[in-house]
Structure formats: structure tokens, C-alpha cells
Amino acid sequence: MTTRYTVQLTRSAERDLATIAGYLAQSASPAIAAAFLDTMLDRIAELEQFPERGAIPRELEALGITSFRQLSAKPWRIIYRISETTVTILLIADGRRDMQTLLEQRLLRSTTL
């Protein structure tokens, strides 16, 4: 029997989704924004059954931090943490950004490792 995990998004991850979708709707089209949301929600739903499938973000692994994982839907990265039977989505961002700085700002300063 497979363990089913509860997946939750932090407020900042919810803001990430809304901000990216809003940007895509304005700069590209509402259809592209909707496709982005569908893709992200599908990827997030996968974590209910398979949270361990995500890789450790290389920027954090280089620092010896292995408590975070990521899924990608290029160019987007979903950064999360597993705790018992809960998966918490912490960050959704364009992987082409300066991820080292973003991860330091959003994860390392606000989370006890």
C-alpha cells in the first residue's frame, strides 16, 4: 500500500503561482497562463504519491543541505520539503533566475535547517 501525502503550498508559493500566471497572461496570453497553471498543479499533485522522486536542488546540495527537493517543468522549478506525510511547497520559480540567491533568501533565512 502506497502512503498518500498531504501537499500544501506556503503563502509565498501561492504568490509565486499567481505572479507567474499573471505575468504570462499579460506578456503572452491567458491560454499560456492557464497551461502553466495546469502543468504546475499536475506536477504538484504527483507529490501526493511520489514525493521522494524529486532531486535535491544542486545549489543546496553543494552546501551540504539535503532536506529540500525539487521537481521541474522546464523552465520552472518547484522546491519543497517532506515532513512525515506532509509535502510543503516552498517556492515556485523560473529556473533561469539566480537560484542560489533566491534559495538563500526564501529558504535558508526563513527556515531552520
C-alpha atoms as a PDB file:
ATOM      1  CA  MET A   1       0.000   0.000   0.000  1.00  0.00           C
ATOM      2  CA  THR A   2       1.380   3.370  -1.031  1.00  0.00           C
ATOM      3  CA  THR A   3       1.473   6.174   1.511  1.00  0.00           C
ATOM      4  CA  ARG A   4      -0.572   9.170   0.440  1.00  0.00           C
ATOM      5  CA  TYR A   5       0.987  12.501   1.351  1.00  0.00           C
ATOM      6  CA  THR A   6      -0.793  15.752   2.080  1.00  0.00           C
ATOM      7  CA  VAL A   7       0.534  18.513  -0.165  1.00  0.00           C
ATOM      8  CA  GLN A   8       0.314  22.112   0.954  1.00  0.00           C
ATOM      9  CA  LEU A   9       1.577  25.360  -0.520  1.00  0.00           C
ATOM     10  CA  THR A  10       3.012  28.127   1.600  1.00  0.00           C
ATOM     11  CA  ARG A  11       1.613  31.611   1.057  1.00  0.00           C
ATOM     12  CA  SER A  12       4.774  32.584  -0.760  1.00  0.00           C
ATOM     13  CA  ALA A  13       4.452  29.591  -3.123  1.00  0.00           C
ATOM     14  CA  GLU A  14       0.814  30.544  -3.787  1.00  0.00           C
ATOM     15  CA  ARG A  15       2.021  34.082  -4.568  1.00  0.00           C
ATOM     16  CA  ASP A  16       4.660  32.637  -6.884  1.00  0.00           C
ATOM     17  CA  LEU A  17       1.986  30.787  -8.864  1.00  0.00           C
ATOM     18  CA  ALA A  18      -0.284  33.832  -9.054  1.00  0.00           C
ATOM     19  CA  THR A  19       2.552  36.182 -10.006  1.00  0.00           C
ATOM     20  CA  ILE A  20       3.894  33.924 -12.754  1.00  0.00           C
ATOM     21  CA  ALA A  21       0.418  33.214 -14.147  1.00  0.00           C
ATOM     22  CA  GLY A  22      -0.387  36.937 -14.127  1.00  0.00           C
ATOM     23  CA  TYR A  23       2.841  37.754 -15.905  1.00  0.00           C
ATOM     24  CA  LEU A  24       2.246  35.067 -18.533  1.00  0.00           C
ATOM     25  CA  ALA A  25      -1.337  36.243 -19.100  1.00  0.00           C
ATOM     26  CA  GLN A  26      -0.109  39.814 -19.683  1.00  0.00           C
ATOM     27  CA  SER A  27       3.073  39.126 -21.636  1.00  0.00           C
ATOM     28  CA  ALA A  28       1.964  36.076 -23.639  1.00  0.00           C
ATOM     29  CA  SER A  29      -1.713  35.097 -23.403  1.00  0.00           C
ATOM     30  CA  PRO A  30      -4.335  33.896 -20.940  1.00  0.00           C
ATOM     31  CA  ALA A  31      -4.169  30.464 -22.607  1.00  0.00           C
ATOM     32  CA  ILE A  32      -0.448  30.188 -21.887  1.00  0.00           C
ATOM     33  CA  ALA A  33      -1.051  31.261 -18.284  1.00  0.00           C
ATOM     34  CA  ALA A  34      -3.762  28.602 -17.939  1.00  0.00           C
ATOM     35  CA  ALA A  35      -1.460  25.953 -19.434  1.00  0.00           C
ATOM     36  CA  PHE A  36       1.258  26.955 -16.948  1.00  0.00           C
ATOM     37  CA  LEU A  37      -1.159  26.568 -14.027  1.00  0.00           C
ATOM     38  CA  ASP A  38      -2.385  23.207 -15.312  1.00  0.00           C
ATOM     39  CA  THR A  39       1.183  21.941 -15.635  1.00  0.00           C
ATOM     40  CA  MET A  40       2.201  23.165 -12.197  1.00  0.00           C
ATOM     41  CA  LEU A  41      -0.890  21.748 -10.498  1.00  0.00           C
ATOM     42  CA  ASP A  42      -0.349  18.386 -12.225  1.00  0.00           C
ATOM     43  CA  ARG A  43       3.279  18.275 -11.064  1.00  0.00           C
ATOM     44  CA  ILE A  44       2.269  19.260  -7.528  1.00  0.00           C
ATOM     45  CA  ALA A  45      -0.442  16.567  -7.464  1.00  0.00           C
ATOM     46  CA  GLU A  46       2.202  13.944  -8.311  1.00  0.00           C
ATOM     47  CA  LEU A  47       3.779  14.647  -4.929  1.00  0.00           C
ATOM     48  CA  GLU A  48       0.788  13.098  -3.139  1.00  0.00           C
ATOM     49  CA  GLN A  49       2.131   9.669  -4.048  1.00  0.00           C
ATOM     50  CA  PHE A  50       5.757  10.160  -5.051  1.00  0.00           C
ATOM     51  CA  PRO A  51       7.405  12.979  -3.071  1.00  0.00           C
ATOM     52  CA  GLU A  52      10.789  11.248  -2.943  1.00  0.00           C
ATOM     53  CA  ARG A  53      11.083  11.351  -6.752  1.00  0.00           C
ATOM     54  CA  GLY A  54      12.364  14.920  -6.735  1.00  0.00           C
ATOM     55  CA  ALA A  55      16.077  15.630  -6.765  1.00  0.00           C
ATOM     56  CA  ILE A  56      17.912  17.664  -4.163  1.00  0.00           C
ATOM     57  CA  PRO A  57      18.488  21.173  -5.599  1.00  0.00           C
ATOM     58  CA  ARG A  58      22.134  21.276  -6.686  1.00  0.00           C
ATOM     59  CA  GLU A  59      22.622  24.735  -5.176  1.00  0.00           C
ATOM     60  CA  LEU A  60      21.672  23.385  -1.744  1.00  0.00           C
ATOM     61  CA  GLU A  61      23.424  20.051  -2.134  1.00  0.00           C
ATOM     62  CA  ALA A  62      26.663  21.960  -2.757  1.00  0.00           C
ATOM     63  CA  LEU A  63      26.183  23.455   0.730  1.00  0.00           C
ATOM     64  CA  GLY A  64      25.516  20.041   2.268  1.00  0.00           C
ATOM     65  CA  ILE A  65      21.791  20.761   2.690  1.00  0.00           C
ATOM     66  CA  THR A  66      19.742  17.752   1.673  1.00  0.00           C
ATOM     67  CA  SER A  67      16.378  18.398   3.325  1.00  0.00           C
ATOM     68  CA  PHE A  68      14.815  20.060   0.273  1.00  0.00           C
ATOM     69  CA  ARG A  69      13.758  18.539  -3.037  1.00  0.00           C
ATOM     70  CA  GLN A  70      12.653  19.845  -6.392  1.00  0.00           C
ATOM     71  CA  LEU A  71      10.551  18.957  -9.388  1.00  0.00           C
ATOM     72  CA  SER A  72      10.919  20.737 -12.660  1.00  0.00           C
ATOM     73  CA  ALA A  73       8.693  21.522 -15.573  1.00  0.00           C
ATOM     74  CA  LYS A  74      11.226  23.445 -17.614  1.00  0.00           C
ATOM     75  CA  PRO A  75      11.981  26.200 -17.081  1.00  0.00           C
ATOM     76  CA  TRP A  76      10.029  26.150 -13.805  1.00  0.00           C
ATOM     77  CA  ARG A  77      11.269  24.634 -10.554  1.00  0.00           C
ATOM     78  CA  ILE A  78       9.091  23.584  -7.628  1.00  0.00           C
ATOM     79  CA  ILE A  79      11.060  23.463  -4.369  1.00  0.00           C
ATOM     80  CA  TYR A  80       9.566  21.516  -1.469  1.00  0.00           C
ATOM     81  CA  ARG A  81      10.250  19.756   1.789  1.00  0.00           C
ATOM     82  CA  ILE A  82       8.913  16.441   3.079  1.00  0.00           C
ATOM     83  CA  SER A  83       7.977  16.046   6.728  1.00  0.00           C
ATOM     84  CA  GLU A  84       6.455  12.698   7.729  1.00  0.00           C
ATOM     85  CA  THR A  85       3.372  12.514   5.474  1.00  0.00           C
ATOM     86  CA  THR A  86       3.239  16.184   4.510  1.00  0.00           C
ATOM     87  CA  VAL A  87       4.854  17.811   1.495  1.00  0.00           C
ATOM     88  CA  THR A  88       5.213  21.570   1.763  1.00  0.00           C
ATOM     89  CA  ILE A  89       5.767  23.546  -1.435  1.00  0.00           C
ATOM     90  CA  LEU A  90       8.029  26.451  -0.540  1.00  0.00           C
ATOM     91  CA  LEU A  91       8.973  28.057  -3.826  1.00  0.00           C
ATOM     92  CA  ILE A  92       7.986  28.049  -7.491  1.00  0.00           C
ATOM     93  CA  ALA A  93      10.367  29.934  -9.748  1.00  0.00           C
ATOM     94  CA  ASP A  94      11.881  30.212 -13.180  1.00  0.00           C
ATOM     95  CA  GLY A  95      14.997  28.049 -13.065  1.00  0.00           C
ATOM     96  CA  ARG A  96      16.859  30.566 -15.222  1.00  0.00           C
ATOM     97  CA  ARG A  97      16.912  33.016 -12.314  1.00  0.00           C
ATOM     98  CA  ASP A  98      19.814  33.318  -9.896  1.00  0.00           C
ATOM     99  CA  MET A  99      18.589  30.340  -7.900  1.00  0.00           C
ATOM    100  CA  GLN A 100      21.437  30.413  -5.381  1.00  0.00           C
ATOM    101  CA  THR A 101      20.423  33.872  -4.170  1.00  0.00           C
ATOM    102  CA  LEU A 102      16.702  33.114  -4.370  1.00  0.00           C
ATOM    103  CA  LEU A 103      17.075  29.913  -2.339  1.00  0.00           C
ATOM    104  CA  GLU A 104      19.172  31.687   0.267  1.00  0.00           C
ATOM    105  CA  GLN A 105      16.608  34.474   0.603  1.00  0.00           C
ATOM    106  CA  ARG A 106      13.490  32.348   0.609  1.00  0.00           C
ATOM    107  CA  LEU A 107      14.554  29.092   2.240  1.00  0.00           C
ATOM    108  CA  LEU A 108      17.712  29.362   4.245  1.00  0.00           C
ATOM    109  CA  ARG A 109      16.935  32.613   6.059  1.00  0.00           C
ATOM    110  CA  SER A 110      13.335  31.736   6.851  1.00  0.00           C
ATOM    111  CA  THR A 111      13.673  28.034   7.694  1.00  0.00           C
ATOM    112  CA  THR A 112      15.517  26.264  10.450  1.00  0.00           C
ATOM    113  CA  LEU A 113      17.616  23.596   8.832  1.00  0.00           C
END
